[in-house]
Amino acid sequence: MKELLKKLIQAETTDEKGELTAAEVISAEFRRSGIDSRIDSWDQTRANVVAHIKSDGRRAGLLFACHLDVVGQGEATWEHPPFTAVESDGKIYGRGSVDMKGGTAAAVTAIRQIVDSGVKLQGDIIFSAVAGEETDSVGARRFVDDKGWLPELAGVVIPEPTDFEIVTAHRGMLWLEITTTGKAAHSSAPQLGVNAIGSMRLILNELDSYEIKTEPHKQLGTCSKSINTIAGGKTMNVVPDKCSIGIDIRTIPGQDHQAIIAGIEEICAKLRTDHKQFEAAVSVIRQVQSMETDCSCDFVKDFCSIVETDKTRAVGYTTDGPYFASLGAPVVIFGPGKPQLCHKPDEYIDIADMEKAVECYKTLILSFLG
């Protein structure tokens, strides 16, 4: 298990490098137990990997849904190089160790140990590790678009780092870009141009006091919005004719993304009416719906009983969960590692947590499928 995680970290599955190498590592690991897997690759470096352990089919199957990609190392200095997979003091350091290659390695190991034991299962195990969760969820979308071969599922387990808490709900994500356009002119005669940055200032002033109306969720509260990027102007002596901002909106279950977009467009329309030279457009950069699994359903109740807890929780971040929920089975997010270490320098996972995760996943498999 440790060596598998190290190989996955060393695969360096950033957006620039792609996921194919990591998919091949997992496929080779499954072959050690005689498990066939399929790599779905595209664009030379992008890939999903899927394994299907068939049974007599008397019970509904269990899907372990992972992602292969990681965010980049960032600008901060690392004590341990991000893609060398250093083992020290009972931990393995490296980008993706906790998000989510540690959970992925634990799931692969648990599945291999179940198969190697020769136990006869009554339901199928399906494993997937997909591309692009950190950027555009392209891998999850490809997987669910090809769902025709899947058996009936009792549930989906996503081994994201939750520190072994059971997560059944999370916020959605709506990334919008607003672009103002103006007219370029020499900066010595700015009255001959239309300053796109000045136009953007009008939008920023409106957004300062703009609230997205929604009924609060009992666990997640209200939605949030944050203006996180801005770009405008190319040189000091030219009036800029273009300026863009990026807005990160985190939505709650039941919220309509299209209604939010319409609200932002109404702001732009009002400004266009009040200022004759104002021009702006709103575009969607990325969106993922929120997720909420019914905590009273049998799968969640049985899951809680198996891992010996009666608590579930909701989180503010977003996963590929909504795509897998479209398969019609309840989704639970449950895995090793401390979520607060995600995307940080010197990211690590405790080896003891990975070992605990293997045992948990084996128990889940035997309980639901045995």
Protein backbone atom coordinates (compact mmCIF):
# COMPACT_ATOMS: atom_id res chain seq x y z
CA MET A 1 0.00 0.00 0.00
CA LYS A 2 2.78 2.46 0.87
CA GLU A 3 4.64 1.72 -2.33
CA LEU A 4 1.46 2.17 -4.35
CA LEU A 5 0.87 5.58 -2.80
CA LYS A 6 4.46 6.60 -3.49
CA LYS A 7 4.13 5.62 -7.14
CA LEU A 8 0.89 7.58 -7.42
CA ILE A 9 2.49 10.70 -5.92
CA GLN A 10 5.51 10.35 -8.20
CA ALA A 11 3.18 10.18 -11.22
CA GLU A 12 2.73 13.97 -10.78
CA THR A 13 -0.84 14.14 -12.04
CA THR A 14 -1.14 17.90 -12.35
CA ASP A 15 -3.27 19.53 -15.01
CA GLU A 16 -0.14 19.99 -17.13
CA LYS A 17 1.06 16.37 -16.86
CA GLY A 18 -2.25 14.51 -16.98
CA GLU A 19 -3.42 11.30 -15.29
CA LEU A 20 -2.38 8.51 -17.67
CA THR A 21 0.73 7.46 -15.73
CA ALA A 22 -1.23 7.11 -12.48
CA ALA A 23 -3.97 5.14 -14.27
CA GLU A 24 -1.30 2.72 -15.52
CA VAL A 25 0.10 2.37 -11.98
CA ILE A 26 -3.34 1.40 -10.63
CA SER A 27 -4.01 -0.97 -13.51
CA ALA A 28 -0.69 -2.74 -12.87
CA GLU A 29 -1.54 -2.99 -9.17
CA PHE A 30 -4.87 -4.65 -9.92
CA ARG A 31 -3.19 -7.12 -12.29
CA ARG A 32 -1.13 -8.40 -9.35
CA SER A 33 -4.39 -9.89 -8.06
CA GLY A 34 -5.65 -10.97 -11.46
CA ILE A 35 -8.14 -8.11 -11.63
CA ASP A 36 -8.84 -6.78 -15.09
CA SER A 37 -9.08 -3.03 -15.47
CA ARG A 38 -9.82 -0.68 -18.32
CA ILE A 39 -8.02 2.58 -19.02
CA ASP A 40 -10.05 5.19 -20.87
CA SER A 41 -7.49 7.64 -22.28
CA TRP A 42 -7.77 10.76 -24.43
CA ASP A 43 -5.72 13.80 -25.41
CA GLN A 44 -2.50 11.75 -25.03
CA THR A 45 -2.14 12.28 -21.25
CA ARG A 46 -5.67 12.27 -19.82
CA ALA A 47 -7.17 9.08 -18.38
CA ASN A 48 -9.71 7.30 -16.23
CA VAL A 49 -9.17 3.79 -14.91
CA VAL A 50 -12.01 1.40 -14.05
CA ALA A 51 -12.03 -2.07 -12.51
CA HIS A 52 -15.05 -4.36 -12.16
CA ILE A 53 -15.01 -7.37 -9.85
CA LYS A 54 -18.07 -9.39 -10.75
CA SER A 55 -20.14 -11.56 -8.42
CA ASP A 56 -23.22 -13.75 -8.65
CA GLY A 57 -25.23 -10.52 -8.61
CA ARG A 58 -27.65 -11.41 -5.84
CA ARG A 59 -27.00 -8.07 -4.13
CA ALA A 60 -26.56 -4.56 -5.48
CA GLY A 61 -22.96 -3.50 -6.06
CA LEU A 62 -20.66 -0.97 -4.43
CA LEU A 63 -18.77 1.74 -6.33
CA PHE A 64 -15.55 3.29 -5.01
CA ALA A 65 -15.16 6.60 -6.86
CA CYS A 66 -11.74 8.29 -6.71
CA HIS A 67 -9.94 10.99 -8.67
CA LEU A 68 -6.40 10.83 -10.05
CA ASP A 69 -5.51 14.50 -10.52
CA VAL A 70 -3.91 16.91 -8.07
CA VAL A 71 -3.42 20.66 -7.87
CA GLY A 72 0.03 22.07 -8.60
CA GLN A 73 2.71 22.48 -5.98
CA GLY A 74 2.09 26.22 -5.65
CA GLU A 75 4.57 29.00 -5.02
CA ALA A 76 5.46 28.24 -1.40
CA THR A 77 8.63 26.35 -0.46
CA TRP A 78 8.25 22.67 0.47
CA GLU A 79 10.43 21.00 3.09
CA HIS A 80 9.89 17.70 1.26
CA PRO A 81 9.85 17.86 -2.56
CA PRO A 82 6.21 17.60 -3.65
CA PHE A 83 6.54 14.68 -6.08
CA THR A 84 9.22 12.47 -4.53
CA ALA A 85 6.93 10.81 -1.92
CA VAL A 86 9.09 11.07 1.19
CA GLU A 87 8.28 8.68 4.05
CA SER A 88 9.17 10.09 7.47
CA ASP A 89 7.91 9.68 11.05
CA GLY A 90 4.98 7.49 10.07
CA LYS A 91 3.82 9.84 7.33
CA ILE A 92 4.08 9.99 3.55
CA TYR A 93 4.59 13.49 2.18
CA GLY A 94 3.74 14.67 -1.29
CA ARG A 95 1.22 16.51 -3.40
CA GLY A 96 -1.92 14.42 -3.50
CA SER A 97 -0.96 12.24 -0.53
CA VAL A 98 -4.11 13.29 1.29
CA ASP A 99 -6.17 14.62 -1.64
CA MET A 100 -6.83 11.92 -2.59
CA LYS A 101 -4.17 9.39 -3.48
CA GLY A 102 -3.99 8.07 0.09
CA GLY A 103 -7.68 7.14 0.00
CA THR A 104 -7.28 5.77 -3.53
CA ALA A 105 -4.36 3.55 -2.51
CA ALA A 106 -6.34 2.32 0.50
CA ALA A 107 -9.37 1.45 -1.66
CA VAL A 108 -7.22 -0.40 -4.23
CA THR A 109 -5.46 -2.31 -1.45
CA ALA A 110 -8.73 -3.25 0.25
CA ILE A 111 -10.20 -4.52 -3.01
CA ARG A 112 -7.06 -6.55 -3.78
CA GLN A 113 -7.07 -8.13 -0.32
CA ILE A 114 -10.74 -9.09 -0.66
CA VAL A 115 -10.07 -10.69 -4.06
CA ASP A 116 -6.89 -12.42 -2.85
CA SER A 117 -8.79 -13.90 0.11
CA GLY A 118 -11.03 -15.85 -2.27
CA VAL A 119 -14.22 -14.80 -0.49
CA LYS A 120 -17.35 -15.16 -2.61
CA LEU A 121 -19.25 -11.90 -2.90
CA GLN A 122 -22.96 -11.53 -3.68
CA GLY A 123 -22.57 -8.06 -5.19
CA ASP A 124 -20.09 -6.50 -7.61
CA ILE A 125 -17.25 -4.15 -6.66
CA ILE A 126 -16.64 -1.31 -9.09
CA PHE A 127 -13.62 0.93 -8.75
CA SER A 128 -13.09 4.13 -10.69
CA ALA A 129 -10.35 6.76 -10.57
CA VAL A 130 -11.10 9.67 -12.84
CA ALA A 131 -9.45 12.72 -14.35
CA GLY A 132 -9.98 16.40 -13.75
CA GLU A 133 -11.79 16.61 -10.42
CA GLU A 134 -9.74 19.67 -9.50
CA THR A 135 -10.45 21.49 -12.77
CA ASP A 136 -13.48 20.51 -14.82
CA SER A 137 -14.72 17.05 -13.71
CA VAL A 138 -14.20 15.77 -17.25
CA GLY A 139 -13.36 12.27 -15.99
CA ALA A 140 -16.45 11.94 -13.81
CA ARG A 141 -18.63 13.16 -16.67
CA ARG A 142 -17.09 10.60 -19.05
CA PHE A 143 -17.63 7.84 -16.50
CA VAL A 144 -21.31 8.56 -15.85
CA ASP A 145 -22.00 9.12 -19.55
CA ASP A 146 -20.86 5.50 -20.10
CA LYS A 147 -23.00 4.07 -17.29
CA GLY A 148 -24.88 1.50 -19.35
CA TRP A 149 -22.63 -1.37 -18.27
CA LEU A 150 -22.93 -0.68 -14.53
CA PRO A 151 -24.88 -3.10 -12.32
CA GLU A 152 -27.45 -1.89 -9.82
CA LEU A 153 -25.63 -0.05 -7.04
CA ALA A 154 -26.32 -0.14 -3.31
CA GLY A 155 -24.22 3.00 -2.92
CA VAL A 156 -21.16 5.00 -3.86
CA VAL A 157 -18.16 5.57 -1.57
CA ILE A 158 -15.86 8.51 -2.35
CA PRO A 159 -12.55 8.09 -0.43
CA GLU A 160 -11.82 11.81 -0.15
CA PRO A 161 -10.06 12.86 3.08
CA THR A 162 -12.70 13.32 5.79
CA ASP A 163 -10.64 12.08 8.78
CA PHE A 164 -13.10 9.16 8.89
CA GLU A 165 -16.15 11.37 9.30
CA ILE A 166 -19.16 10.46 7.16
CA VAL A 167 -20.02 13.31 4.79
CA THR A 168 -23.43 13.21 3.12
CA ALA A 169 -23.79 16.81 1.87
CA HIS A 170 -21.62 19.52 0.41
CA ARG A 171 -21.89 22.84 -1.37
CA GLY A 172 -21.97 23.27 -5.10
CA MET A 173 -19.68 25.46 -7.15
CA LEU A 174 -20.49 28.17 -9.68
CA TRP A 175 -17.54 30.03 -11.21
CA LEU A 176 -18.52 33.09 -13.20
CA GLU A 177 -16.44 35.51 -15.24
CA ILE A 178 -17.64 39.04 -15.88
CA THR A 179 -15.87 40.87 -18.69
CA THR A 180 -16.28 44.58 -19.36
CA THR A 181 -15.34 45.97 -22.75
CA GLY A 182 -14.41 49.53 -23.63
CA LYS A 183 -12.52 51.46 -26.27
CA ALA A 184 -8.74 51.70 -26.39
CA ALA A 185 -7.09 55.13 -26.66
CA HIS A 186 -3.76 56.77 -25.89
CA SER A 187 -3.56 57.43 -22.17
CA SER A 188 -2.61 61.04 -22.82
CA ALA A 189 -6.13 61.55 -24.14
CA PRO A 190 -8.28 59.19 -22.04
CA GLN A 191 -11.46 61.07 -22.98
CA LEU A 192 -11.19 59.50 -26.44
CA GLY A 193 -11.52 55.98 -25.02
CA VAL A 194 -13.79 53.99 -22.75
CA ASN A 195 -11.92 52.56 -19.76
CA ALA A 196 -12.95 48.94 -19.16
CA ILE A 197 -11.43 49.03 -15.67
CA GLY A 198 -13.63 52.00 -14.85
CA SER A 199 -16.61 50.01 -16.05
CA MET A 200 -15.55 47.11 -13.86
CA ARG A 201 -15.44 49.45 -10.87
CA LEU A 202 -19.17 50.02 -11.35
CA ILE A 203 -19.79 46.27 -11.18
CA LEU A 204 -17.57 45.84 -8.13
CA ASN A 205 -19.47 48.58 -6.33
CA GLU A 206 -22.76 46.80 -7.06
CA LEU A 207 -21.44 43.40 -6.01
CA ASP A 208 -20.21 44.75 -2.67
CA SER A 209 -23.78 45.00 -1.42
CA TYR A 210 -25.40 42.31 -3.57
CA GLU A 211 -26.75 39.30 -1.72
CA ILE A 212 -27.84 36.11 -3.42
CA LYS A 213 -31.24 35.34 -1.95
CA THR A 214 -31.75 31.82 -0.69
CA GLU A 215 -33.26 29.96 2.23
CA PRO A 216 -30.47 28.76 4.57
CA HIS A 217 -29.62 25.06 4.61
CA LYS A 218 -29.80 23.46 8.05
CA GLN A 219 -26.17 22.30 7.88
CA LEU A 220 -24.52 24.46 5.23
CA GLY A 221 -26.09 27.82 5.97
CA THR A 222 -26.33 30.23 3.05
CA CYS A 223 -24.34 30.35 -0.16
CA SER A 224 -21.16 32.40 -0.44
CA LYS A 225 -19.58 34.56 -3.14
CA SER A 226 -15.99 35.71 -3.44
CA ILE A 227 -14.33 37.79 -6.16
CA ASN A 228 -11.01 36.03 -6.52
CA THR A 229 -9.37 37.16 -9.78
CA ILE A 230 -9.09 40.37 -11.76
CA ALA A 231 -7.25 41.19 -14.98
CA GLY A 232 -7.25 44.35 -17.04
CA GLY A 233 -4.96 46.52 -19.08
CA LYS A 234 -1.82 45.61 -20.98
CA THR A 235 0.40 48.66 -20.84
CA MET A 236 0.63 51.93 -18.94
CA ASN A 237 0.08 54.22 -21.93
CA VAL A 238 -3.10 52.64 -23.32
CA VAL A 239 -6.64 53.04 -21.99
CA PRO A 240 -7.71 49.40 -21.38
CA ASP A 241 -10.51 48.05 -23.55
CA LYS A 242 -11.03 44.86 -21.55
CA CYS A 243 -11.23 43.87 -17.89
CA SER A 244 -12.36 40.60 -16.30
CA ILE A 245 -13.12 39.37 -12.81
CA GLY A 246 -13.70 35.81 -11.56
CA ILE A 247 -16.37 35.11 -8.97
CA ASP A 248 -16.46 31.89 -6.93
CA ILE A 249 -19.99 31.19 -5.69
CA ARG A 250 -20.60 28.19 -3.43
CA THR A 251 -24.21 27.07 -3.56
CA ILE A 252 -26.42 25.00 -1.28
CA PRO A 253 -28.80 22.11 -2.03
CA GLY A 254 -31.94 23.26 -3.82
CA GLN A 255 -30.36 26.43 -5.21
CA ASP A 256 -30.83 27.21 -8.91
CA HIS A 257 -27.56 28.14 -10.63
CA GLN A 258 -29.42 29.67 -13.57
CA ALA A 259 -31.28 32.01 -11.24
CA ILE A 260 -27.97 33.19 -9.78
CA ILE A 261 -26.58 33.86 -13.25
CA ALA A 262 -29.76 35.77 -14.14
CA GLY A 263 -29.33 37.92 -11.03
CA ILE A 264 -25.78 38.88 -12.01
CA GLU A 265 -26.93 39.62 -15.56
CA GLU A 266 -29.63 41.93 -14.17
CA ILE A 267 -26.91 43.98 -12.45
CA CYS A 268 -25.11 44.36 -15.77
CA ALA A 269 -28.36 45.31 -17.54
CA LYS A 270 -29.10 48.00 -14.96
CA LEU A 271 -25.62 49.46 -15.34
CA ARG A 272 -26.00 49.40 -19.12
CA THR A 273 -29.19 51.46 -18.76
CA ASP A 274 -27.58 53.97 -16.38
CA HIS A 275 -24.27 54.34 -18.25
CA LYS A 276 -24.52 54.53 -22.05
CA GLN A 277 -20.90 53.45 -22.66
CA PHE A 278 -21.06 50.47 -20.30
CA GLU A 279 -20.71 47.00 -21.84
CA ALA A 280 -20.33 43.73 -19.96
CA ALA A 281 -20.91 40.01 -20.42
CA VAL A 282 -21.28 37.14 -17.96
CA SER A 283 -19.94 33.66 -18.74
CA VAL A 284 -19.85 30.38 -16.82
CA ILE A 285 -16.33 29.03 -16.26
CA ARG A 286 -17.31 25.95 -14.26
CA GLN A 287 -20.26 24.67 -12.30
CA VAL A 288 -20.87 21.63 -10.12
CA GLN A 289 -24.16 21.12 -8.34
CA SER A 290 -24.37 20.71 -4.58
CA MET A 291 -24.89 17.23 -3.12
CA GLU A 292 -27.17 15.92 -0.41
CA THR A 293 -27.73 12.26 0.41
CA ASP A 294 -30.74 11.34 2.52
CA CYS A 295 -29.29 10.44 5.93
CA SER A 296 -32.32 8.30 6.70
CA CYS A 297 -31.83 5.98 3.70
CA ASP A 298 -30.82 2.38 4.40
CA PHE A 299 -27.37 2.75 2.82
CA VAL A 300 -26.36 5.65 5.08
CA LYS A 301 -27.85 4.03 8.18
CA ASP A 302 -26.06 0.75 7.44
CA PHE A 303 -22.83 2.63 6.63
CA CYS A 304 -22.97 4.43 9.99
CA SER A 305 -23.58 1.16 11.80
CA ILE A 306 -20.66 -0.57 10.05
CA VAL A 307 -18.14 2.18 10.93
CA GLU A 308 -19.71 2.55 14.38
CA THR A 309 -20.94 6.10 14.38
CA ASP A 310 -24.36 7.74 14.39
CA LYS A 311 -23.21 11.09 12.99
CA THR A 312 -22.99 12.49 9.50
CA ARG A 313 -21.93 15.96 8.46
CA ALA A 314 -21.88 18.47 5.64
CA VAL A 315 -18.84 20.31 4.27
CA GLY A 316 -18.27 23.52 2.36
CA TYR A 317 -16.00 22.17 -0.36
CA THR A 318 -17.08 20.44 -3.58
CA THR A 319 -16.38 16.95 -4.97
CA ASP A 320 -17.33 14.86 -8.00
CA GLY A 321 -20.13 13.46 -5.81
CA PRO A 322 -23.02 15.11 -7.70
CA TYR A 323 -21.96 13.37 -10.93
CA PHE A 324 -21.90 9.97 -9.23
CA ALA A 325 -25.21 10.74 -7.51
CA SER A 326 -26.71 10.95 -11.01
CA LEU A 327 -26.28 7.16 -11.19
CA GLY A 328 -29.25 6.93 -8.82
CA ALA A 329 -27.45 5.48 -5.78
CA PRO A 330 -26.76 7.20 -2.44
CA VAL A 331 -23.30 8.77 -2.15
CA VAL A 332 -21.15 8.87 0.98
CA ILE A 333 -17.80 10.65 1.24
CA PHE A 334 -15.54 8.83 3.69
CA GLY A 335 -11.78 8.50 3.75
CA PRO A 336 -8.45 8.82 5.53
CA GLY A 337 -6.47 12.01 5.98
CA LYS A 338 -7.01 15.46 7.43
CA PRO A 339 -8.97 17.62 4.98
CA GLN A 340 -7.30 20.81 6.23
CA LEU A 341 -4.03 19.61 4.61
CA CYS A 342 -5.50 19.65 1.10
CA HIS A 343 -3.73 21.93 -1.39
CA LYS A 344 -1.11 23.02 1.17
CA PRO A 345 2.70 22.74 1.05
CA ASP A 346 4.11 19.58 2.66
CA GLU A 347 0.80 17.79 2.33
CA TYR A 348 0.98 14.40 4.03
CA ILE A 349 -1.04 11.43 5.19
CA ASP A 350 -0.45 9.25 8.23
CA ILE A 351 0.35 5.66 7.29
CA ALA A 352 -1.74 4.49 10.27
CA ASP A 353 -4.77 6.26 8.79
CA MET A 354 -4.28 4.48 5.48
CA GLU A 355 -4.08 1.14 7.25
CA LYS A 356 -7.28 1.98 9.15
CA ALA A 357 -8.96 2.93 5.86
CA VAL A 358 -8.07 -0.43 4.30
CA GLU A 359 -9.74 -2.25 7.17
CA CYS A 360 -12.79 0.03 7.01
CA TYR A 361 -13.22 -0.48 3.27
CA LYS A 362 -12.82 -4.25 3.60
CA THR A 363 -15.48 -4.29 6.33
CA LEU A 364 -17.80 -2.20 4.17
CA ILE A 365 -17.33 -4.50 1.19
CA LEU A 366 -17.98 -7.64 3.20
CA SER A 367 -20.99 -6.10 4.98
CA PHE A 368 -22.72 -4.80 1.85
CA LEU A 369 -21.67 -7.49 -0.61
CA GLY A 370 -20.82 -10.58 1.44
